[in-house]
Amino acid sequence: MKVKPLADRVLVKLEKNEAKTAGGIIIPDTAQEKTQQGTVVEAGPGTEKEKVTVKSGDRVMYDKYAGAQVKIDGIEHLILKMQDIIATIE
C-alpha cells in the first residue's frame, strides 16, 4: 500500500524497542515505553504557515503522544504533523 501524507504531515516508520534486557530478561510490550524515534518514509509538501524540513530517510525524534498510528503492510508507522517533530538524529 502506498501512503502519501498531505499538507504538513510526515509518515514515520517506528523503531522497535528491545524486548530483552542485557541480562536476558524479556520485557512485555505493556511494560515498554512508547518509542519516540523513527525514520521518515514520506513527507507532505508543507503549507504556507508550516514548512516541511525533513525528507525521506531522516531519523527523527517526536513528541511522545503525537500522531496517528497506522499499520502499512504489517509494519507500524505514525503520521505526524511537522510541529510534533522535535529533532533530527544524525
PDB file of N, CA and C in Angstrom:
ATOM      1  N   MET A   1       0.852  -1.179   0.000  1.00  0.00           N
ATOM      2  CA  MET A   1       0.000   0.000   0.000  1.00  0.00           C
ATOM      3  C   MET A   1       0.894   1.238   0.000  1.00  0.00           C
ATOM      4  N   LYS A   2       0.528   2.238  -0.770  1.00  0.00           N
ATOM      5  CA  LYS A   2       1.274   3.493  -0.872  1.00  0.00           C
ATOM      6  C   LYS A   2       0.505   4.573  -0.126  1.00  0.00           C
ATOM      7  N   VAL A   3       1.167   5.225   0.851  1.00  0.00           N
ATOM      8  CA  VAL A   3       0.539   6.293   1.627  1.00  0.00           C
ATOM      9  C   VAL A   3       1.328   7.572   1.397  1.00  0.00           C
ATOM     10  N   LYS A   4       0.645   8.628   0.983  1.00  0.00           N
ATOM     11  CA  LYS A   4       1.273   9.922   0.728  1.00  0.00           C
ATOM     12  C   LYS A   4       0.671  10.942   1.690  1.00  0.00           C
ATOM     13  N   PRO A   5       1.454  11.446   2.673  1.00  0.00           N
ATOM     14  CA  PRO A   5       0.930  12.441   3.610  1.00  0.00           C
ATOM     15  C   PRO A   5       0.565  13.749   2.906  1.00  0.00           C
ATOM     16  N   LEU A   6      -0.421  14.439   3.433  1.00  0.00           N
ATOM     17  CA  LEU A   6      -0.859  15.718   2.885  1.00  0.00           C
ATOM     18  C   LEU A   6      -0.380  16.869   3.759  1.00  0.00           C
ATOM     19  N   ALA A   7      -0.367  18.056   3.203  1.00  0.00           N
ATOM     20  CA  ALA A   7      -0.028  19.312   3.901  1.00  0.00           C
ATOM     21  C   ALA A   7       1.287  19.185   4.660  1.00  0.00           C
ATOM     22  N   ASP A   8       1.264  19.451   5.982  1.00  0.00           N
ATOM     23  CA  ASP A   8       2.491  19.442   6.776  1.00  0.00           C
ATOM     24  C   ASP A   8       2.659  18.137   7.564  1.00  0.00           C
ATOM     25  N   ARG A   9       2.126  17.058   7.042  1.00  0.00           N
ATOM     26  CA  ARG A   9       2.207  15.778   7.736  1.00  0.00           C
ATOM     27  C   ARG A   9       3.392  14.957   7.227  1.00  0.00           C
ATOM     28  N   VAL A  10       3.894  14.072   8.104  1.00  0.00           N
ATOM     29  CA  VAL A  10       5.063  13.253   7.800  1.00  0.00           C
ATOM     30  C   VAL A  10       4.764  11.814   8.204  1.00  0.00           C
ATOM     31  N   LEU A  11       5.076  10.860   7.320  1.00  0.00           N
ATOM     32  CA  LEU A  11       4.914   9.434   7.608  1.00  0.00           C
ATOM     33  C   LEU A  11       6.239   8.912   8.143  1.00  0.00           C
ATOM     34  N   VAL A  12       6.209   8.357   9.370  1.00  0.00           N
ATOM     35  CA  VAL A  12       7.419   7.891  10.046  1.00  0.00           C
ATOM     36  C   VAL A  12       7.290   6.413  10.371  1.00  0.00           C
ATOM     37  N   LYS A  13       8.317   5.628  10.038  1.00  0.00           N
ATOM     38  CA  LYS A  13       8.379   4.216  10.408  1.00  0.00           C
ATOM     39  C   LYS A  13       8.966   4.143  11.807  1.00  0.00           C
ATOM     40  N   LEU A  14       8.240   3.498  12.734  1.00  0.00           N
ATOM     41  CA  LEU A  14       8.669   3.424  14.121  1.00  0.00           C
ATOM     42  C   LEU A  14       9.865   2.509  14.284  1.00  0.00           C
ATOM     43  N   GLU A  15      10.744   2.862  15.219  1.00  0.00           N
ATOM     44  CA  GLU A  15      11.863   1.993  15.575  1.00  0.00           C
ATOM     45  C   GLU A  15      11.403   1.088  16.706  1.00  0.00           C
ATOM     46  N   LYS A  16      11.757  -0.174  16.619  1.00  0.00           N
ATOM     47  CA  LYS A  16      11.364  -1.143  17.633  1.00  0.00           C
ATOM     48  C   LYS A  16      12.254  -1.021  18.861  1.00  0.00           C
ATOM     49  N   ASN A  17      11.645  -1.140  20.047  1.00  0.00           N
ATOM     50  CA  ASN A  17      12.401  -1.207  21.296  1.00  0.00           C
ATOM     51  C   ASN A  17      12.890  -2.628  21.496  1.00  0.00           C
ATOM     52  N   GLU A  18      13.999  -2.762  22.178  1.00  0.00           N
ATOM     53  CA  GLU A  18      14.484  -4.097  22.524  1.00  0.00           C
ATOM     54  C   GLU A  18      13.503  -4.716  23.508  1.00  0.00           C
ATOM     55  N   ALA A  19      13.123  -5.945  23.271  1.00  0.00           N
ATOM     56  CA  ALA A  19      12.180  -6.632  24.145  1.00  0.00           C
ATOM     57  C   ALA A  19      12.898  -7.452  25.209  1.00  0.00           C
ATOM     58  N   LYS A  20      14.230  -7.370  25.222  1.00  0.00           N
ATOM     59  CA  LYS A  20      15.008  -8.149  26.180  1.00  0.00           C
ATOM     60  C   LYS A  20      16.102  -7.259  26.763  1.00  0.00           C
ATOM     61  N   THR A  21      16.319  -7.362  28.079  1.00  0.00           N
ATOM     62  CA  THR A  21      17.386  -6.592  28.708  1.00  0.00           C
ATOM     63  C   THR A  21      18.727  -7.248  28.418  1.00  0.00           C
ATOM     64  N   ALA A  22      19.807  -6.557  28.777  1.00  0.00           N
ATOM     65  CA  ALA A  22      21.151  -7.100  28.574  1.00  0.00           C
ATOM     66  C   ALA A  22      21.337  -8.395  29.364  1.00  0.00           C
ATOM     67  N   GLY A  23      20.646  -8.516  30.481  1.00  0.00           N
ATOM     68  CA  GLY A  23      20.743  -9.721  31.312  1.00  0.00           C
ATOM     69  C   GLY A  23      19.857 -10.855  30.833  1.00  0.00           C
ATOM     70  N   GLY A  24      19.060 -10.630  29.769  1.00  0.00           N
ATOM     71  CA  GLY A  24      18.232 -11.678  29.200  1.00  0.00           C
ATOM     72  C   GLY A  24      16.787 -11.680  29.672  1.00  0.00           C
ATOM     73  N   ILE A  25      16.390 -10.685  30.455  1.00  0.00           N
ATOM     74  CA  ILE A  25      15.009 -10.621  30.941  1.00  0.00           C
ATOM     75  C   ILE A  25      14.124 -10.068  29.830  1.00  0.00           C
ATOM     76  N   ILE A  26      13.033 -10.777  29.528  1.00  0.00           N
ATOM     77  CA  ILE A  26      12.107 -10.340  28.482  1.00  0.00           C
ATOM     78  C   ILE A  26      11.127  -9.330  29.068  1.00  0.00           C
ATOM     79  N   ILE A  27      10.977  -8.196  28.375  1.00  0.00           N
ATOM     80  CA  ILE A  27      10.081  -7.133  28.805  1.00  0.00           C
ATOM     81  C   ILE A  27       8.831  -7.179  27.935  1.00  0.00           C
ATOM     82  N   PRO A  28       7.633  -7.364  28.531  1.00  0.00           N
ATOM     83  CA  PRO A  28       6.408  -7.401  27.722  1.00  0.00           C
ATOM     84  C   PRO A  28       6.108  -6.029  27.118  1.00  0.00           C
ATOM     85  N   ASP A  29       5.370  -6.031  26.000  1.00  0.00           N
ATOM     86  CA  ASP A  29       5.027  -4.792  25.307  1.00  0.00           C
ATOM     87  C   ASP A  29       4.345  -3.781  26.220  1.00  0.00           C
ATOM     88  N   THR A  30       3.513  -4.256  27.142  1.00  0.00           N
ATOM     89  CA  THR A  30       2.770  -3.350  28.015  1.00  0.00           C
ATOM     90  C   THR A  30       3.677  -2.616  28.993  1.00  0.00           C
ATOM     91  N   ALA A  31       4.861  -3.149  29.279  1.00  0.00           N
ATOM     92  CA  ALA A  31       5.782  -2.506  30.217  1.00  0.00           C
ATOM     93  C   ALA A  31       6.811  -1.627  29.518  1.00  0.00           C
ATOM     94  N   GLN A  32       6.866  -1.692  28.196  1.00  0.00           N
ATOM     95  CA  GLN A  32       7.843  -0.900  27.458  1.00  0.00           C
ATOM     96  C   GLN A  32       7.325   0.508  27.232  1.00  0.00           C
ATOM     97  N   GLU A  33       8.243   1.465  27.213  1.00  0.00           N
ATOM     98  CA  GLU A  33       7.856   2.833  26.887  1.00  0.00           C
ATOM     99  C   GLU A  33       7.655   2.947  25.389  1.00  0.00           C
ATOM    100  N   LYS A  34       6.741   3.804  25.001  1.00  0.00           N
ATOM    101  CA  LYS A  34       6.483   4.040  23.587  1.00  0.00           C
ATOM    102  C   LYS A  34       7.726   4.665  22.957  1.00  0.00           C
ATOM    103  N   THR A  35       8.135   4.128  21.827  1.00  0.00           N
ATOM    104  CA  THR A  35       9.303   4.665  21.145  1.00  0.00           C
ATOM    105  C   THR A  35       9.064   6.101  20.704  1.00  0.00           C
ATOM    106  N   GLN A  36      10.108   6.910  20.708  1.00  0.00           N
ATOM    107  CA  GLN A  36       9.982   8.298  20.297  1.00  0.00           C
ATOM    108  C   GLN A  36      10.940   8.612  19.159  1.00  0.00           C
ATOM    109  N   GLN A  37      11.399   7.579  18.473  1.00  0.00           N
ATOM    110  CA  GLN A  37      12.297   7.773  17.353  1.00  0.00           C
ATOM    111  C   GLN A  37      11.788   6.976  16.169  1.00  0.00           C
ATOM    112  N   GLY A  38      12.095   7.469  14.991  1.00  0.00           N
ATOM    113  CA  GLY A  38      11.690   6.768  13.787  1.00  0.00           C
ATOM    114  C   GLY A  38      12.400   7.322  12.576  1.00  0.00           C
ATOM    115  N   THR A  39      12.101   6.716  11.437  1.00  0.00           N
ATOM    116  CA  THR A  39      12.700   7.129  10.173  1.00  0.00           C
ATOM    117  C   THR A  39      11.612   7.653   9.255  1.00  0.00           C
ATOM    118  N   VAL A  40      11.842   8.812   8.666  1.00  0.00           N
ATOM    119  CA  VAL A  40      10.870   9.420   7.759  1.00  0.00           C
ATOM    120  C   VAL A  40      10.785   8.567   6.492  1.00  0.00           C
ATOM    121  N   VAL A  41       9.564   8.159   6.157  1.00  0.00           N
ATOM    122  CA  VAL A  41       9.316   7.388   4.940  1.00  0.00           C
ATOM    123  C   VAL A  41       8.891   8.321   3.814  1.00  0.00           C
ATOM    124  N   GLU A  42       7.995   9.242   4.140  1.00  0.00           N
ATOM    125  CA  GLU A  42       7.432  10.165   3.145  1.00  0.00           C
ATOM    126  C   GLU A  42       7.023  11.440   3.869  1.00  0.00           C
ATOM    127  N   ALA A  43       7.139  12.570   3.206  1.00  0.00           N
ATOM    128  CA  ALA A  43       6.744  13.850   3.785  1.00  0.00           C
ATOM    129  C   ALA A  43       5.807  14.575   2.832  1.00  0.00           C
ATOM    130  N   GLY A  44       4.842  15.278   3.407  1.00  0.00           N
ATOM    131  CA  GLY A  44       3.917  16.073   2.610  1.00  0.00           C
ATOM    132  C   GLY A  44       4.610  17.314   2.067  1.00  0.00           C
ATOM    133  N   PRO A  45       3.923  18.084   1.217  1.00  0.00           N
ATOM    134  CA  PRO A  45       4.533  19.259   0.589  1.00  0.00           C
ATOM    135  C   PRO A  45       4.663  20.475   1.512  1.00  0.00           C
ATOM    136  N   GLY A  46       3.991  20.448   2.673  1.00  0.00           N
ATOM    137  CA  GLY A  46       4.008  21.597   3.576  1.00  0.00           C
ATOM    138  C   GLY A  46       2.900  22.575   3.227  1.00  0.00           C
ATOM    139  N   THR A  47       2.801  23.626   4.036  1.00  0.00           N
ATOM    140  CA  THR A  47       1.821  24.683   3.811  1.00  0.00           C
ATOM    141  C   THR A  47       2.554  26.019   3.866  1.00  0.00           C
ATOM    142  N   GLU A  48       1.836  27.102   3.620  1.00  0.00           N
ATOM    143  CA  GLU A  48       2.462  28.426   3.720  1.00  0.00           C
ATOM    144  C   GLU A  48       2.895  28.719   5.150  1.00  0.00           C
ATOM    145  N   LYS A  49       2.115  28.257   6.118  1.00  0.00           N
ATOM    146  CA  LYS A  49       2.429  28.507   7.531  1.00  0.00           C
ATOM    147  C   LYS A  49       3.463  27.522   8.084  1.00  0.00           C
ATOM    148  N   GLU A  50       3.435  26.278   7.657  1.00  0.00           N
ATOM    149  CA  GLU A  50       4.301  25.223   8.212  1.00  0.00           C
ATOM    150  C   GLU A  50       5.065  24.526   7.096  1.00  0.00           C
ATOM    151  N   LYS A  51       6.346  24.819   7.011  1.00  0.00           N
ATOM    152  CA  LYS A  51       7.207  24.191   6.004  1.00  0.00           C
ATOM    153  C   LYS A  51       7.669  22.820   6.516  1.00  0.00           C
ATOM    154  N   VAL A  52       7.805  21.871   5.625  1.00  0.00           N
ATOM    155  CA  VAL A  52       8.324  20.550   5.981  1.00  0.00           C
ATOM    156  C   VAL A  52       9.833  20.593   5.780  1.00  0.00           C
ATOM    157  N   THR A  53      10.574  20.362   6.863  1.00  0.00           N
ATOM    158  CA  THR A  53      12.029  20.496   6.823  1.00  0.00           C
ATOM    159  C   THR A  53      12.754  19.153   6.908  1.00  0.00           C
ATOM    160  N   VAL A  54      12.012  18.048   6.834  1.00  0.00           N
ATOM    161  CA  VAL A  54      12.629  16.716   6.841  1.00  0.00           C
ATOM    162  C   VAL A  54      12.351  16.052   5.498  1.00  0.00           C
ATOM    163  N   LYS A  55      13.142  15.031   5.194  1.00  0.00           N
ATOM    164  CA  LYS A  55      12.972  14.309   3.930  1.00  0.00           C
ATOM    165  C   LYS A  55      13.058  12.811   4.195  1.00  0.00           C
ATOM    166  N   SER A  56      12.717  12.016   3.224  1.00  0.00           N
ATOM    167  CA  SER A  56      12.779  10.557   3.352  1.00  0.00           C
ATOM    168  C   SER A  56      14.182  10.136   3.769  1.00  0.00           C
ATOM    169  N   GLY A  57      14.222   9.210   4.738  1.00  0.00           N
ATOM    170  CA  GLY A  57      15.499   8.683   5.216  1.00  0.00           C
ATOM    171  C   GLY A  57      16.015   9.365   6.464  1.00  0.00           C
ATOM    172  N   ASP A  58      15.500  10.553   6.813  1.00  0.00           N
ATOM    173  CA  ASP A  58      15.939  11.242   8.031  1.00  0.00           C
ATOM    174  C   ASP A  58      15.440  10.484   9.260  1.00  0.00           C
ATOM    175  N   ARG A  59      16.312  10.351  10.273  1.00  0.00           N
ATOM    176  CA  ARG A  59      15.893   9.800  11.565  1.00  0.00           C
ATOM    177  C   ARG A  59      15.455  10.970  12.430  1.00  0.00           C
ATOM    178  N   VAL A  60      14.296  10.840  13.076  1.00  0.00           N
ATOM    179  CA  VAL A  60      13.730  11.948  13.842  1.00  0.00           C
ATOM    180  C   VAL A  60      13.294  11.502  15.236  1.00  0.00           C
ATOM    181  N   MET A  61      13.206  12.489  16.129  1.00  0.00           N
ATOM    182  CA  MET A  61      12.603  12.325  17.451  1.00  0.00           C
ATOM    183  C   MET A  61      11.307  13.108  17.430  1.00  0.00           C
ATOM    184  N   TYR A  62      10.280  12.588  18.104  1.00  0.00           N
ATOM    185  CA  TYR A  62       8.984  13.269  18.093  1.00  0.00           C
ATOM    186  C   TYR A  62       8.360  13.220  19.467  1.00  0.00           C
ATOM    187  N   ASP A  63       7.354  14.066  19.693  1.00  0.00           N
ATOM    188  CA  ASP A  63       6.646  14.103  20.965  1.00  0.00           C
ATOM    189  C   ASP A  63       6.048  12.737  21.283  1.00  0.00           C
ATOM    190  N   LYS A  64       6.032  12.390  22.556  1.00  0.00           N
ATOM    191  CA  LYS A  64       5.644  11.047  22.996  1.00  0.00           C
ATOM    192  C   LYS A  64       4.243  10.619  22.568  1.00  0.00           C
ATOM    193  N   TYR A  65       3.258  11.467  22.685  1.00  0.00           N
ATOM    194  CA  TYR A  65       1.878  11.068  22.386  1.00  0.00           C
ATOM    195  C   TYR A  65       1.357  11.681  21.089  1.00  0.00           C
ATOM    196  N   ALA A  66       2.243  12.011  20.182  1.00  0.00           N
ATOM    197  CA  ALA A  66       1.863  12.685  18.940  1.00  0.00           C
ATOM    198  C   ALA A  66       1.457  11.688  17.862  1.00  0.00           C
ATOM    199  N   GLY A  67       0.677  12.179  16.917  1.00  0.00           N
ATOM    200  CA  GLY A  67       0.397  11.437  15.698  1.00  0.00           C
ATOM    201  C   GLY A  67      -0.671  10.369  15.788  1.00  0.00           C
ATOM    202  N   ALA A  68      -0.907   9.780  14.634  1.00  0.00           N
ATOM    203  CA  ALA A  68      -1.886   8.699  14.491  1.00  0.00           C
ATOM    204  C   ALA A  68      -1.148   7.454  14.012  1.00  0.00           C
ATOM    205  N   GLN A  69      -1.307   6.342  14.746  1.00  0.00           N
ATOM    206  CA  GLN A  69      -0.646   5.101  14.354  1.00  0.00           C
ATOM    207  C   GLN A  69      -1.413   4.426  13.231  1.00  0.00           C
ATOM    208  N   VAL A  70      -0.663   3.945  12.250  1.00  0.00           N
ATOM    209  CA  VAL A  70      -1.238   3.186  11.142  1.00  0.00           C
ATOM    210  C   VAL A  70      -0.330   1.995  10.859  1.00  0.00           C
ATOM    211  N   LYS A  71      -0.926   0.912  10.407  1.00  0.00           N
ATOM    212  CA  LYS A  71      -0.160  -0.271  10.031  1.00  0.00           C
ATOM    213  C   LYS A  71      -0.185  -0.360   8.514  1.00  0.00           C
ATOM    214  N   ILE A  72       0.990  -0.327   7.896  1.00  0.00           N
ATOM    215  CA  ILE A  72       1.113  -0.390   6.445  1.00  0.00           C
ATOM    216  C   ILE A  72       1.915  -1.634   6.097  1.00  0.00           C
ATOM    217  N   ASP A  73       1.293  -2.550   5.378  1.00  0.00           N
ATOM    218  CA  ASP A  73       1.923  -3.824   5.011  1.00  0.00           C
ATOM    219  C   ASP A  73       2.490  -4.540   6.233  1.00  0.00           C
ATOM    220  N   GLY A  74       1.756  -4.481   7.355  1.00  0.00           N
ATOM    221  CA  GLY A  74       2.151  -5.191   8.574  1.00  0.00           C
ATOM    222  C   GLY A  74       3.206  -4.489   9.410  1.00  0.00           C
ATOM    223  N   ILE A  75       3.609  -3.286   9.031  1.00  0.00           N
ATOM    224  CA  ILE A  75       4.647  -2.548   9.759  1.00  0.00           C
ATOM    225  C   ILE A  75       4.029  -1.299  10.381  1.00  0.00           C
ATOM    226  N   GLU A  76       4.340  -1.062  11.673  1.00  0.00           N
ATOM    227  CA  GLU A  76       3.796   0.097  12.389  1.00  0.00           C
ATOM    228  C   GLU A  76       4.429   1.396  11.892  1.00  0.00           C
ATOM    229  N   HIS A  77       3.579   2.375  11.592  1.00  0.00           N
ATOM    230  CA  HIS A  77       4.002   3.707  11.173  1.00  0.00           C
ATOM    231  C   HIS A  77       3.223   4.729  11.985  1.00  0.00           C
ATOM    232  N   LEU A  78       3.654   5.962  11.904  1.00  0.00           N
ATOM    233  CA  LEU A  78       2.994   7.059  12.582  1.00  0.00           C
ATOM    234  C   LEU A  78       2.875   8.217  11.595  1.00  0.00           C
ATOM    235  N   ILE A  79       1.712   8.855  11.542  1.00  0.00           N
ATOM    236  CA  ILE A  79       1.552  10.058  10.731  1.00  0.00           C
ATOM    237  C   ILE A  79       1.559  11.233  11.708  1.00  0.00           C
ATOM    238  N   LEU A  80       2.585  12.086  11.579  1.00  0.00           N
ATOM    239  CA  LEU A  80       2.804  13.212  12.479  1.00  0.00           C
ATOM    240  C   LEU A  80       2.627  14.533  11.763  1.00  0.00           C
ATOM    241  N   LYS A  81       2.291  15.563  12.518  1.00  0.00           N
ATOM    242  CA  LYS A  81       2.372  16.921  11.999  1.00  0.00           C
ATOM    243  C   LYS A  81       3.830  17.348  12.133  1.00  0.00           C
ATOM    244  N   MET A  82       4.286  18.213  11.256  1.00  0.00           N
ATOM    245  CA  MET A  82       5.671  18.671  11.292  1.00  0.00           C
ATOM    246  C   MET A  82       6.016  19.282  12.653  1.00  0.00           C
ATOM    247  N   GLN A  83       5.080  19.979  13.281  1.00  0.00           N
ATOM    248  CA  GLN A  83       5.353  20.626  14.569  1.00  0.00           C
ATOM    249  C   GLN A  83       5.590  19.624  15.699  1.00  0.00           C
ATOM    250  N   ASP A  84       5.184  18.336  15.513  1.00  0.00           N
ATOM    251  CA  ASP A  84       5.404  17.306  16.528  1.00  0.00           C
ATOM    252  C   ASP A  84       6.811  16.715  16.472  1.00  0.00           C
ATOM    253  N   ILE A  85       7.536  16.980  15.382  1.00  0.00           N
ATOM    254  CA  ILE A  85       8.916  16.501  15.269  1.00  0.00           C
ATOM    255  C   ILE A  85       9.792  17.499  16.013  1.00  0.00           C
ATOM    256  N   ILE A  86      10.557  16.983  16.991  1.00  0.00           N
ATOM    257  CA  ILE A  86      11.332  17.886  17.852  1.00  0.00           C
ATOM    258  C   ILE A  86      12.825  17.907  17.505  1.00  0.00           C
ATOM    259  N   ALA A  87      13.322  16.903  16.756  1.00  0.00           N
ATOM    260  CA  ALA A  87      14.742  16.892  16.418  1.00  0.00           C
ATOM    261  C   ALA A  87      15.017  15.884  15.315  1.00  0.00           C
ATOM    262  N   THR A  88      16.131  16.090  14.608  1.00  0.00           N
ATOM    263  CA  THR A  88      16.632  15.068  13.705  1.00  0.00           C
ATOM    264  C   THR A  88      17.839  14.411  14.377  1.00  0.00           C
ATOM    265  N   ILE A  89      18.081  13.151  14.050  1.00  0.00           N
ATOM    266  CA  ILE A  89      19.172  12.396  14.654  1.00  0.00           C
ATOM    267  C   ILE A  89      20.188  12.097  13.563  1.00  0.00           C
ATOM    268  N   GLU A  90      21.446  12.419  13.826  1.00  0.00           N
ATOM    269  CA  GLU A  90      22.496  12.159  12.833  1.00  0.00           C
ATOM    270  C   GLU A  90      23.403  11.037  13.302  1.00  0.00           C
TER     271      GLU A  90
END
